[in-house]
Amino acid sequence: MAKVIPGRFTAQTDDAFVVFIIGMRVNNFFAFRRWIATAMAMGPMLRTLFQHPEKGMLGGQVCFYWRGVALVQYWRSFDDLEKFARDQSDPHLEAWRRFNKNIGTDGSVGIWHETFLVEAGKYEAVYGNMPIFGLAASTKHVAATGRRETARRRLGGQNEPAIASPLVPAEAA
């Protein structure tokens, strides 16, 4: 289990990045062979991406929800994400073909994704009493103090905290 870091932290990057959320939904629990094959296709893709950071994925997490699974991924650029999706030598293109051939529009399994292009400085994040997680795990994990103390400050504005922030323990800072 990941170590919890007491205190308030945020993510820091000076670069633009892409948030890519991809998932599948089990629409028919009795179509086990169809949805398990779809779920299993993600393993080779993630292995390739984690073994080859030069492909552009900065990091990500798996999230389970009722009827499905989703992955929140952080990418260096949309060009990197698109190249991985379309490259004949990477596992995504073949998985995409198999899904279209074997599942198509039969309704047994749903797939989805959302892509967000984030300009440099146009993001904010906060993590309280969490392991290093999310964007901070994919970029830099820093204390949410000073100009990083509030959401507006993290986005480049000015304001005062609505309530006093708890002190960050010295060993966690």
N, C-alpha and C. Protein backbone atom coordinates (compact mmCIF):
# COMPACT_ATOMS: atom_id res chain seq x y z
N MET A 1 0.84 -1.18 0.00
CA MET A 1 0.00 0.00 0.00
C MET A 1 0.89 1.24 0.00
N ALA A 2 0.50 2.23 -0.76
CA ALA A 2 1.28 3.46 -0.88
C ALA A 2 1.29 4.22 0.45
N LYS A 3 2.41 4.85 0.74
CA LYS A 3 2.58 5.60 1.98
C LYS A 3 1.77 6.90 1.94
N VAL A 4 0.95 7.11 2.95
CA VAL A 4 0.19 8.35 3.08
C VAL A 4 1.14 9.45 3.54
N ILE A 5 1.05 10.60 2.91
CA ILE A 5 1.89 11.73 3.27
C ILE A 5 0.98 12.77 3.92
N PRO A 6 1.13 12.97 5.24
CA PRO A 6 0.27 13.94 5.92
C PRO A 6 0.48 15.36 5.40
N GLY A 7 -0.59 16.11 5.31
CA GLY A 7 -0.49 17.49 4.87
C GLY A 7 -1.20 17.72 3.55
N ARG A 8 -1.05 18.95 3.04
CA ARG A 8 -1.68 19.37 1.78
C ARG A 8 -0.59 19.57 0.74
N PHE A 9 -0.80 18.96 -0.42
CA PHE A 9 0.18 19.02 -1.49
C PHE A 9 -0.53 19.31 -2.80
N THR A 10 0.26 19.63 -3.79
CA THR A 10 -0.27 19.89 -5.12
C THR A 10 0.70 19.33 -6.15
N ALA A 11 0.32 19.41 -7.40
CA ALA A 11 1.17 19.00 -8.51
C ALA A 11 1.82 20.24 -9.10
N GLN A 12 3.02 20.07 -9.62
CA GLN A 12 3.71 21.20 -10.26
C GLN A 12 4.33 20.75 -11.57
N THR A 13 3.98 21.45 -12.63
CA THR A 13 4.63 21.29 -13.92
C THR A 13 4.53 22.62 -14.66
N ASP A 14 5.55 22.94 -15.38
CA ASP A 14 5.55 24.18 -16.17
C ASP A 14 5.16 23.92 -17.61
N ASP A 15 4.84 22.68 -17.94
CA ASP A 15 4.55 22.29 -19.32
C ASP A 15 3.06 22.04 -19.53
N ALA A 16 2.63 22.17 -20.78
CA ALA A 16 1.30 21.71 -21.18
C ALA A 16 1.29 20.19 -21.07
N PHE A 17 0.11 19.61 -20.93
CA PHE A 17 -0.02 18.16 -20.87
C PHE A 17 -1.42 17.77 -21.30
N VAL A 18 -1.65 16.48 -21.41
CA VAL A 18 -2.95 15.95 -21.83
C VAL A 18 -3.47 15.02 -20.74
N VAL A 19 -4.74 15.18 -20.39
CA VAL A 19 -5.42 14.23 -19.51
C VAL A 19 -6.27 13.35 -20.41
N PHE A 20 -6.05 12.06 -20.34
CA PHE A 20 -6.77 11.09 -21.15
C PHE A 20 -7.45 10.12 -20.21
N ILE A 21 -8.77 10.04 -20.28
CA ILE A 21 -9.52 9.11 -19.44
C ILE A 21 -10.15 8.10 -20.38
N ILE A 22 -9.88 6.83 -20.11
CA ILE A 22 -10.39 5.76 -20.98
C ILE A 22 -10.99 4.68 -20.11
N GLY A 23 -12.07 4.09 -20.60
CA GLY A 23 -12.70 3.05 -19.79
C GLY A 23 -13.57 2.11 -20.59
N MET A 24 -14.05 1.12 -19.88
CA MET A 24 -15.00 0.17 -20.45
C MET A 24 -16.12 -0.04 -19.45
N ARG A 25 -17.26 -0.41 -19.97
CA ARG A 25 -18.45 -0.66 -19.15
C ARG A 25 -19.03 -2.01 -19.54
N VAL A 26 -19.29 -2.84 -18.55
CA VAL A 26 -19.93 -4.13 -18.78
C VAL A 26 -21.43 -3.87 -18.90
N ASN A 27 -21.95 -4.04 -20.08
CA ASN A 27 -23.39 -3.84 -20.31
C ASN A 27 -24.18 -5.12 -20.13
N ASN A 28 -23.55 -6.27 -20.37
CA ASN A 28 -24.21 -7.57 -20.24
C ASN A 28 -23.28 -8.48 -19.45
N PHE A 29 -23.59 -8.67 -18.15
CA PHE A 29 -22.73 -9.50 -17.30
C PHE A 29 -22.60 -10.93 -17.81
N PHE A 30 -23.60 -11.43 -18.52
CA PHE A 30 -23.56 -12.80 -19.01
C PHE A 30 -22.71 -12.97 -20.26
N ALA A 31 -22.27 -11.87 -20.84
CA ALA A 31 -21.38 -11.91 -22.01
C ALA A 31 -19.92 -11.88 -21.53
N PHE A 32 -19.61 -12.74 -20.56
CA PHE A 32 -18.29 -12.75 -19.91
C PHE A 32 -17.14 -12.76 -20.90
N ARG A 33 -17.19 -13.64 -21.88
CA ARG A 33 -16.08 -13.75 -22.83
C ARG A 33 -15.83 -12.44 -23.59
N ARG A 34 -16.87 -11.70 -23.82
CA ARG A 34 -16.73 -10.45 -24.56
C ARG A 34 -16.10 -9.37 -23.68
N TRP A 35 -16.62 -9.19 -22.47
CA TRP A 35 -16.09 -8.10 -21.66
C TRP A 35 -14.75 -8.44 -21.03
N ILE A 36 -14.50 -9.70 -20.72
CA ILE A 36 -13.18 -10.04 -20.15
C ILE A 36 -12.09 -9.85 -21.20
N ALA A 37 -12.38 -10.18 -22.44
CA ALA A 37 -11.40 -9.97 -23.51
C ALA A 37 -11.10 -8.48 -23.68
N THR A 38 -12.13 -7.66 -23.57
CA THR A 38 -11.94 -6.22 -23.67
C THR A 38 -11.11 -5.71 -22.50
N ALA A 39 -11.42 -6.17 -21.30
CA ALA A 39 -10.67 -5.75 -20.11
C ALA A 39 -9.20 -6.19 -20.19
N MET A 40 -8.97 -7.39 -20.66
CA MET A 40 -7.60 -7.94 -20.73
C MET A 40 -6.74 -7.24 -21.78
N ALA A 41 -7.35 -6.58 -22.73
CA ALA A 41 -6.59 -5.89 -23.77
C ALA A 41 -5.80 -4.71 -23.21
N MET A 42 -6.20 -4.18 -22.08
CA MET A 42 -5.52 -3.00 -21.53
C MET A 42 -4.15 -3.36 -20.96
N GLY A 43 -3.96 -4.55 -20.45
CA GLY A 43 -2.69 -4.95 -19.84
C GLY A 43 -1.48 -4.76 -20.75
N PRO A 44 -1.49 -5.32 -21.95
CA PRO A 44 -0.34 -5.13 -22.84
C PRO A 44 -0.08 -3.67 -23.20
N MET A 45 -1.15 -2.89 -23.31
CA MET A 45 -0.97 -1.47 -23.62
C MET A 45 -0.25 -0.76 -22.47
N LEU A 46 -0.72 -1.00 -21.25
CA LEU A 46 -0.10 -0.35 -20.10
C LEU A 46 1.34 -0.81 -19.88
N ARG A 47 1.59 -2.10 -20.06
CA ARG A 47 2.98 -2.58 -19.94
C ARG A 47 3.89 -1.87 -20.91
N THR A 48 3.45 -1.76 -22.16
CA THR A 48 4.25 -1.07 -23.17
C THR A 48 4.51 0.37 -22.76
N LEU A 49 3.47 1.05 -22.31
CA LEU A 49 3.62 2.47 -21.95
C LEU A 49 4.52 2.68 -20.73
N PHE A 50 4.41 1.83 -19.72
CA PHE A 50 5.25 1.97 -18.54
C PHE A 50 6.70 1.56 -18.83
N GLN A 51 6.89 0.60 -19.74
CA GLN A 51 8.25 0.18 -20.11
C GLN A 51 8.92 1.16 -21.07
N HIS A 52 8.13 1.99 -21.74
CA HIS A 52 8.68 2.92 -22.74
C HIS A 52 8.17 4.34 -22.48
N PRO A 53 8.69 5.01 -21.45
CA PRO A 53 8.23 6.37 -21.15
C PRO A 53 8.46 7.34 -22.31
N GLU A 54 9.37 7.02 -23.21
CA GLU A 54 9.61 7.90 -24.36
C GLU A 54 8.39 7.99 -25.27
N LYS A 55 7.42 7.09 -25.13
CA LYS A 55 6.19 7.15 -25.93
C LYS A 55 5.29 8.30 -25.49
N GLY A 56 5.52 8.85 -24.29
CA GLY A 56 4.84 10.07 -23.90
C GLY A 56 3.84 9.99 -22.76
N MET A 57 3.52 8.80 -22.27
CA MET A 57 2.62 8.75 -21.12
C MET A 57 3.43 9.08 -19.87
N LEU A 58 2.97 10.08 -19.12
CA LEU A 58 3.67 10.52 -17.91
C LEU A 58 3.32 9.66 -16.71
N GLY A 59 2.12 9.11 -16.67
CA GLY A 59 1.68 8.28 -15.56
C GLY A 59 0.17 8.15 -15.57
N GLY A 60 -0.35 7.43 -14.59
CA GLY A 60 -1.79 7.27 -14.52
C GLY A 60 -2.23 6.32 -13.43
N GLN A 61 -3.54 6.25 -13.23
CA GLN A 61 -4.14 5.38 -12.23
C GLN A 61 -5.33 4.65 -12.81
N VAL A 62 -5.60 3.47 -12.25
CA VAL A 62 -6.77 2.68 -12.61
C VAL A 62 -7.85 2.96 -11.56
N CYS A 63 -9.08 3.14 -12.00
CA CYS A 63 -10.22 3.38 -11.11
C CYS A 63 -11.33 2.40 -11.48
N PHE A 64 -11.91 1.78 -10.47
CA PHE A 64 -13.03 0.87 -10.69
C PHE A 64 -14.32 1.58 -10.31
N TYR A 65 -15.36 1.34 -11.07
CA TYR A 65 -16.67 1.89 -10.76
C TYR A 65 -17.71 0.82 -11.08
N TRP A 66 -18.92 1.01 -10.61
CA TRP A 66 -19.98 0.04 -10.85
C TRP A 66 -20.09 -0.22 -12.35
N ARG A 67 -19.93 -1.44 -12.73
CA ARG A 67 -20.03 -1.94 -14.09
C ARG A 67 -18.81 -1.69 -14.96
N GLY A 68 -17.74 -1.13 -14.39
CA GLY A 68 -16.62 -0.89 -15.28
C GLY A 68 -15.32 -0.51 -14.62
N VAL A 69 -14.40 -0.15 -15.48
CA VAL A 69 -13.06 0.26 -15.06
C VAL A 69 -12.65 1.44 -15.93
N ALA A 70 -11.90 2.36 -15.35
CA ALA A 70 -11.41 3.52 -16.09
C ALA A 70 -9.94 3.73 -15.74
N LEU A 71 -9.23 4.35 -16.65
CA LEU A 71 -7.85 4.73 -16.41
C LEU A 71 -7.74 6.23 -16.65
N VAL A 72 -7.16 6.91 -15.69
CA VAL A 72 -6.86 8.33 -15.84
C VAL A 72 -5.37 8.39 -16.16
N GLN A 73 -5.07 8.91 -17.33
CA GLN A 73 -3.68 8.96 -17.79
C GLN A 73 -3.27 10.40 -18.05
N TYR A 74 -1.99 10.68 -17.84
CA TYR A 74 -1.41 11.98 -18.13
C TYR A 74 -0.37 11.78 -19.22
N TRP A 75 -0.48 12.56 -20.28
CA TRP A 75 0.40 12.43 -21.44
C TRP A 75 1.15 13.73 -21.68
N ARG A 76 2.31 13.61 -22.26
CA ARG A 76 3.15 14.76 -22.61
C ARG A 76 2.48 15.63 -23.68
N SER A 77 1.80 14.97 -24.65
CA SER A 77 1.15 15.72 -25.73
C SER A 77 0.09 14.86 -26.40
N PHE A 78 -0.83 15.53 -27.12
CA PHE A 78 -1.82 14.81 -27.89
C PHE A 78 -1.15 14.04 -29.03
N ASP A 79 -0.12 14.62 -29.62
CA ASP A 79 0.60 13.93 -30.70
C ASP A 79 1.14 12.58 -30.23
N ASP A 80 1.69 12.54 -29.01
CA ASP A 80 2.19 11.27 -28.46
C ASP A 80 1.07 10.28 -28.26
N LEU A 81 -0.05 10.75 -27.70
CA LEU A 81 -1.20 9.88 -27.47
C LEU A 81 -1.73 9.32 -28.78
N GLU A 82 -1.90 10.17 -29.77
CA GLU A 82 -2.42 9.74 -31.07
C GLU A 82 -1.46 8.77 -31.76
N LYS A 83 -0.17 9.06 -31.68
CA LYS A 83 0.82 8.17 -32.30
C LYS A 83 0.73 6.77 -31.70
N PHE A 84 0.62 6.69 -30.36
CA PHE A 84 0.49 5.38 -29.71
C PHE A 84 -0.78 4.67 -30.18
N ALA A 85 -1.89 5.39 -30.27
CA ALA A 85 -3.16 4.78 -30.66
C ALA A 85 -3.13 4.23 -32.08
N ARG A 86 -2.36 4.85 -32.97
CA ARG A 86 -2.37 4.49 -34.39
C ARG A 86 -1.17 3.70 -34.86
N ASP A 87 -0.16 3.56 -34.03
CA ASP A 87 1.09 2.92 -34.44
C ASP A 87 0.91 1.41 -34.59
N GLN A 88 1.22 0.88 -35.76
CA GLN A 88 1.08 -0.55 -36.05
C GLN A 88 1.91 -1.41 -35.10
N SER A 89 3.01 -0.87 -34.58
CA SER A 89 3.90 -1.66 -33.72
C SER A 89 3.51 -1.61 -32.25
N ASP A 90 2.51 -0.81 -31.89
CA ASP A 90 2.04 -0.74 -30.51
C ASP A 90 0.75 -1.54 -30.36
N PRO A 91 0.45 -2.03 -29.16
CA PRO A 91 -0.68 -2.95 -28.98
C PRO A 91 -2.08 -2.35 -29.11
N HIS A 92 -2.23 -1.03 -29.09
CA HIS A 92 -3.57 -0.47 -29.12
C HIS A 92 -4.30 -0.72 -30.44
N LEU A 93 -3.63 -0.53 -31.54
CA LEU A 93 -4.29 -0.64 -32.84
C LEU A 93 -4.91 -2.02 -33.05
N GLU A 94 -4.18 -3.07 -32.69
CA GLU A 94 -4.72 -4.43 -32.85
C GLU A 94 -5.89 -4.67 -31.90
N ALA A 95 -5.80 -4.15 -30.67
CA ALA A 95 -6.92 -4.30 -29.72
C ALA A 95 -8.16 -3.58 -30.25
N TRP A 96 -7.97 -2.43 -30.85
CA TRP A 96 -9.06 -1.65 -31.44
C TRP A 96 -9.71 -2.46 -32.57
N ARG A 97 -8.88 -3.04 -33.43
CA ARG A 97 -9.41 -3.88 -34.53
C ARG A 97 -10.21 -5.06 -33.99
N ARG A 98 -9.65 -5.76 -32.98
CA ARG A 98 -10.34 -6.92 -32.39
C ARG A 98 -11.68 -6.52 -31.80
N PHE A 99 -11.70 -5.38 -31.10
CA PHE A 99 -12.96 -4.92 -30.51
C PHE A 99 -14.00 -4.68 -31.61
N ASN A 100 -13.61 -3.97 -32.64
CA ASN A 100 -14.56 -3.68 -33.73
C ASN A 100 -15.04 -4.95 -34.42
N LYS A 101 -14.16 -5.94 -34.56
CA LYS A 101 -14.53 -7.19 -35.23
C LYS A 101 -15.39 -8.07 -34.32
N ASN A 102 -14.99 -8.24 -33.05
CA ASN A 102 -15.64 -9.20 -32.16
C ASN A 102 -16.83 -8.64 -31.39
N ILE A 103 -16.81 -7.37 -31.10
CA ILE A 103 -17.89 -6.74 -30.33
C ILE A 103 -18.73 -5.85 -31.24
N GLY A 104 -18.03 -4.98 -31.96
CA GLY A 104 -18.73 -4.08 -32.88
C GLY A 104 -19.80 -3.29 -32.18
N THR A 105 -21.03 -3.46 -32.65
CA THR A 105 -22.16 -2.72 -32.09
C THR A 105 -23.16 -3.65 -31.40
N ASP A 106 -22.69 -4.80 -30.89
CA ASP A 106 -23.62 -5.75 -30.28
C ASP A 106 -24.13 -5.31 -28.90
N GLY A 107 -23.52 -4.27 -28.31
CA GLY A 107 -24.02 -3.73 -27.05
C GLY A 107 -23.56 -4.43 -25.79
N SER A 108 -22.79 -5.50 -25.90
CA SER A 108 -22.39 -6.25 -24.70
C SER A 108 -21.38 -5.51 -23.84
N VAL A 109 -20.51 -4.74 -24.48
CA VAL A 109 -19.46 -4.01 -23.78
C VAL A 109 -19.41 -2.59 -24.33
N GLY A 110 -19.32 -1.63 -23.44
CA GLY A 110 -19.15 -0.25 -23.87
C GLY A 110 -17.71 0.19 -23.65
N ILE A 111 -17.21 1.02 -24.54
CA ILE A 111 -15.89 1.62 -24.36
C ILE A 111 -16.04 3.12 -24.53
N TRP A 112 -15.16 3.87 -23.88
CA TRP A 112 -15.25 5.32 -23.96
C TRP A 112 -13.89 5.93 -23.64
N HIS A 113 -13.72 7.15 -24.11
CA HIS A 113 -12.57 7.94 -23.66
C HIS A 113 -12.88 9.42 -23.80
N GLU A 114 -12.15 10.19 -23.01
CA GLU A 114 -12.24 11.64 -23.03
C GLU A 114 -10.81 12.18 -23.02
N THR A 115 -10.56 13.22 -23.79
CA THR A 115 -9.22 13.80 -23.90
C THR A 115 -9.30 15.29 -23.60
N PHE A 116 -8.42 15.75 -22.72
CA PHE A 116 -8.39 17.16 -22.34
C PHE A 116 -6.98 17.69 -22.56
N LEU A 117 -6.86 18.74 -23.36
CA LEU A 117 -5.57 19.39 -23.60
C LEU A 117 -5.43 20.52 -22.58
N VAL A 118 -4.41 20.44 -21.75
CA VAL A 118 -4.24 21.39 -20.66
C VAL A 118 -3.04 22.29 -20.97
N GLU A 119 -3.30 23.58 -21.09
CA GLU A 119 -2.23 24.54 -21.33
C GLU A 119 -1.38 24.70 -20.07
N ALA A 120 -0.13 25.06 -20.26
CA ALA A 120 0.76 25.30 -19.13
C ALA A 120 0.12 26.31 -18.19
N GLY A 121 0.11 26.00 -16.89
CA GLY A 121 -0.43 26.90 -15.88
C GLY A 121 -1.94 26.91 -15.77
N LYS A 122 -2.65 26.14 -16.58
CA LYS A 122 -4.12 26.14 -16.59
C LYS A 122 -4.68 24.89 -15.93
N TYR A 123 -4.13 24.55 -14.78
CA TYR A 123 -4.59 23.40 -14.03
C TYR A 123 -4.41 23.71 -12.55
N GLU A 124 -5.09 22.97 -11.72
CA GLU A 124 -4.82 23.03 -10.30
C GLU A 124 -5.20 21.69 -9.71
N ALA A 125 -4.55 21.34 -8.62
CA ALA A 125 -4.80 20.07 -7.96
C ALA A 125 -4.44 20.22 -6.49
N VAL A 126 -5.12 19.49 -5.64
CA VAL A 126 -4.74 19.45 -4.23
C VAL A 126 -4.95 18.03 -3.72
N TYR A 127 -4.06 17.61 -2.85
CA TYR A 127 -4.08 16.28 -2.26
C TYR A 127 -3.86 16.44 -0.77
N GLY A 128 -4.84 16.07 0.04
CA GLY A 128 -4.72 16.17 1.49
C GLY A 128 -4.61 14.80 2.11
N ASN A 129 -3.51 14.57 2.82
CA ASN A 129 -3.29 13.28 3.50
C ASN A 129 -3.42 12.10 2.54
N MET A 130 -2.75 12.20 1.42
CA MET A 130 -2.81 11.20 0.36
C MET A 130 -1.42 10.68 0.04
N PRO A 131 -1.34 9.48 -0.51
CA PRO A 131 -0.08 9.08 -1.13
C PRO A 131 0.17 9.98 -2.35
N ILE A 132 1.34 9.97 -2.89
CA ILE A 132 1.59 10.73 -4.11
C ILE A 132 0.68 10.12 -5.18
N PHE A 133 -0.15 10.94 -5.80
CA PHE A 133 -1.27 10.45 -6.59
C PHE A 133 -1.55 11.39 -7.75
N GLY A 134 -2.25 10.89 -8.75
CA GLY A 134 -2.77 11.71 -9.84
C GLY A 134 -1.69 12.47 -10.60
N LEU A 135 -1.99 13.71 -10.90
CA LEU A 135 -1.05 14.53 -11.66
C LEU A 135 0.27 14.68 -10.91
N ALA A 136 0.22 14.76 -9.59
CA ALA A 136 1.45 14.91 -8.80
C ALA A 136 2.37 13.69 -8.94
N ALA A 137 1.81 12.51 -9.15
CA ALA A 137 2.62 11.32 -9.36
C ALA A 137 3.23 11.30 -10.75
N SER A 138 2.64 12.05 -11.66
CA SER A 138 3.11 12.08 -13.04
C SER A 138 4.01 13.27 -13.33
N THR A 139 4.02 14.24 -12.41
CA THR A 139 4.85 15.43 -12.59
C THR A 139 5.69 15.62 -11.33
N LYS A 140 5.42 16.66 -10.57
CA LYS A 140 6.17 16.93 -9.34
C LYS A 140 5.18 17.14 -8.20
N HIS A 141 5.47 16.57 -7.04
CA HIS A 141 4.64 16.64 -5.84
C HIS A 141 5.25 17.68 -4.91
N VAL A 142 4.52 18.78 -4.65
CA VAL A 142 5.05 19.88 -3.83
C VAL A 142 4.01 20.31 -2.79
N ALA A 143 4.47 20.94 -1.73
CA ALA A 143 3.58 21.43 -0.67
C ALA A 143 2.63 22.49 -1.23
N ALA A 144 1.38 22.45 -0.78
CA ALA A 144 0.37 23.44 -1.18
C ALA A 144 0.40 24.60 -0.19
N THR A 145 1.46 25.39 -0.28
CA THR A 145 1.63 26.54 0.59
C THR A 145 1.94 27.76 -0.26
N GLY A 146 1.83 28.94 0.37
CA GLY A 146 2.17 30.18 -0.34
C GLY A 146 1.33 30.36 -1.59
N ARG A 147 1.98 30.54 -2.73
CA ARG A 147 1.24 30.76 -3.98
C ARG A 147 0.50 29.50 -4.44
N ARG A 148 0.72 28.39 -3.76
CA ARG A 148 0.02 27.14 -4.11
C ARG A 148 -1.04 26.77 -3.07
N GLU A 149 -1.34 27.69 -2.14
CA GLU A 149 -2.23 27.33 -1.02
C GLU A 149 -3.70 27.20 -1.41
N THR A 150 -4.20 28.03 -2.32
CA THR A 150 -5.61 27.96 -2.72
C THR A 150 -5.72 27.62 -4.20
N ALA A 151 -6.90 27.18 -4.60
CA ALA A 151 -7.13 26.84 -6.01
C ALA A 151 -6.86 28.04 -6.91
N ARG A 152 -7.36 29.22 -6.51
CA ARG A 152 -7.16 30.42 -7.33
C ARG A 152 -5.68 30.76 -7.43
N ARG A 153 -4.94 30.65 -6.35
CA ARG A 153 -3.50 30.94 -6.40
C ARG A 153 -2.78 29.92 -7.30
N ARG A 154 -3.18 28.66 -7.20
CA ARG A 154 -2.53 27.64 -8.05
C ARG A 154 -2.79 27.92 -9.53
N LEU A 155 -3.88 28.63 -9.82
CA LEU A 155 -4.21 29.00 -11.20
C LEU A 155 -3.65 30.38 -11.58
N GLY A 156 -2.85 30.97 -10.70
CA GLY A 156 -2.18 32.22 -11.02
C GLY A 156 -2.83 33.47 -10.47
N GLY A 157 -3.96 33.33 -9.77
CA GLY A 157 -4.65 34.49 -9.23
C GLY A 157 -4.21 34.80 -7.81
N GLN A 158 -4.98 35.67 -7.17
CA GLN A 158 -4.70 36.07 -5.79
C GLN A 158 -5.97 35.97 -4.96
N ASN A 159 -5.85 35.42 -3.77
CA ASN A 159 -6.92 35.45 -2.78
C ASN A 159 -6.37 34.94 -1.46
N GLU A 160 -7.20 35.02 -0.46
CA GLU A 160 -6.83 34.50 0.86
C GLU A 160 -7.59 33.20 1.08
N PRO A 161 -7.00 32.27 1.83
CA PRO A 161 -7.72 31.02 2.12
C PRO A 161 -9.04 31.30 2.83
N ALA A 162 -10.08 30.56 2.49
CA ALA A 162 -11.38 30.71 3.15
C ALA A 162 -11.30 30.24 4.60
N ILE A 163 -10.49 29.25 4.85
CA ILE A 163 -10.20 28.78 6.21
C ILE A 163 -8.71 28.54 6.30
N ALA A 164 -8.19 28.57 7.50
CA ALA A 164 -6.74 28.38 7.69
C ALA A 164 -6.35 26.97 7.26
N SER A 165 -5.27 26.88 6.52
CA SER A 165 -4.76 25.58 6.09
C SER A 165 -4.01 24.92 7.25
N PRO A 166 -4.14 23.61 7.40
CA PRO A 166 -3.37 22.94 8.44
C PRO A 166 -1.87 23.03 8.12
N LEU A 167 -1.07 23.04 9.15
CA LEU A 167 0.38 23.08 8.96
C LEU A 167 0.86 21.75 8.39
N VAL A 168 1.85 21.81 7.51
CA VAL A 168 2.45 20.61 6.93
C VAL A 168 3.49 20.10 7.92
N PRO A 169 3.41 18.84 8.35
CA PRO A 169 4.45 18.32 9.26
C PRO A 169 5.83 18.47 8.62
N ALA A 170 6.82 18.83 9.42
CA ALA A 170 8.17 19.09 8.90
C ALA A 170 8.74 17.90 8.14
N GLU A 171 8.49 16.67 8.59
CA GLU A 171 9.05 15.49 7.91
C GLU A 171 8.39 15.21 6.57
N ALA A 172 7.22 15.79 6.31
CA ALA A 172 6.51 15.55 5.06
C ALA A 172 6.83 16.63 4.03
N ALA A 173 7.29 17.78 4.46
CA ALA A 173 7.50 18.92 3.54
C ALA A 173 8.64 18.68 2.58
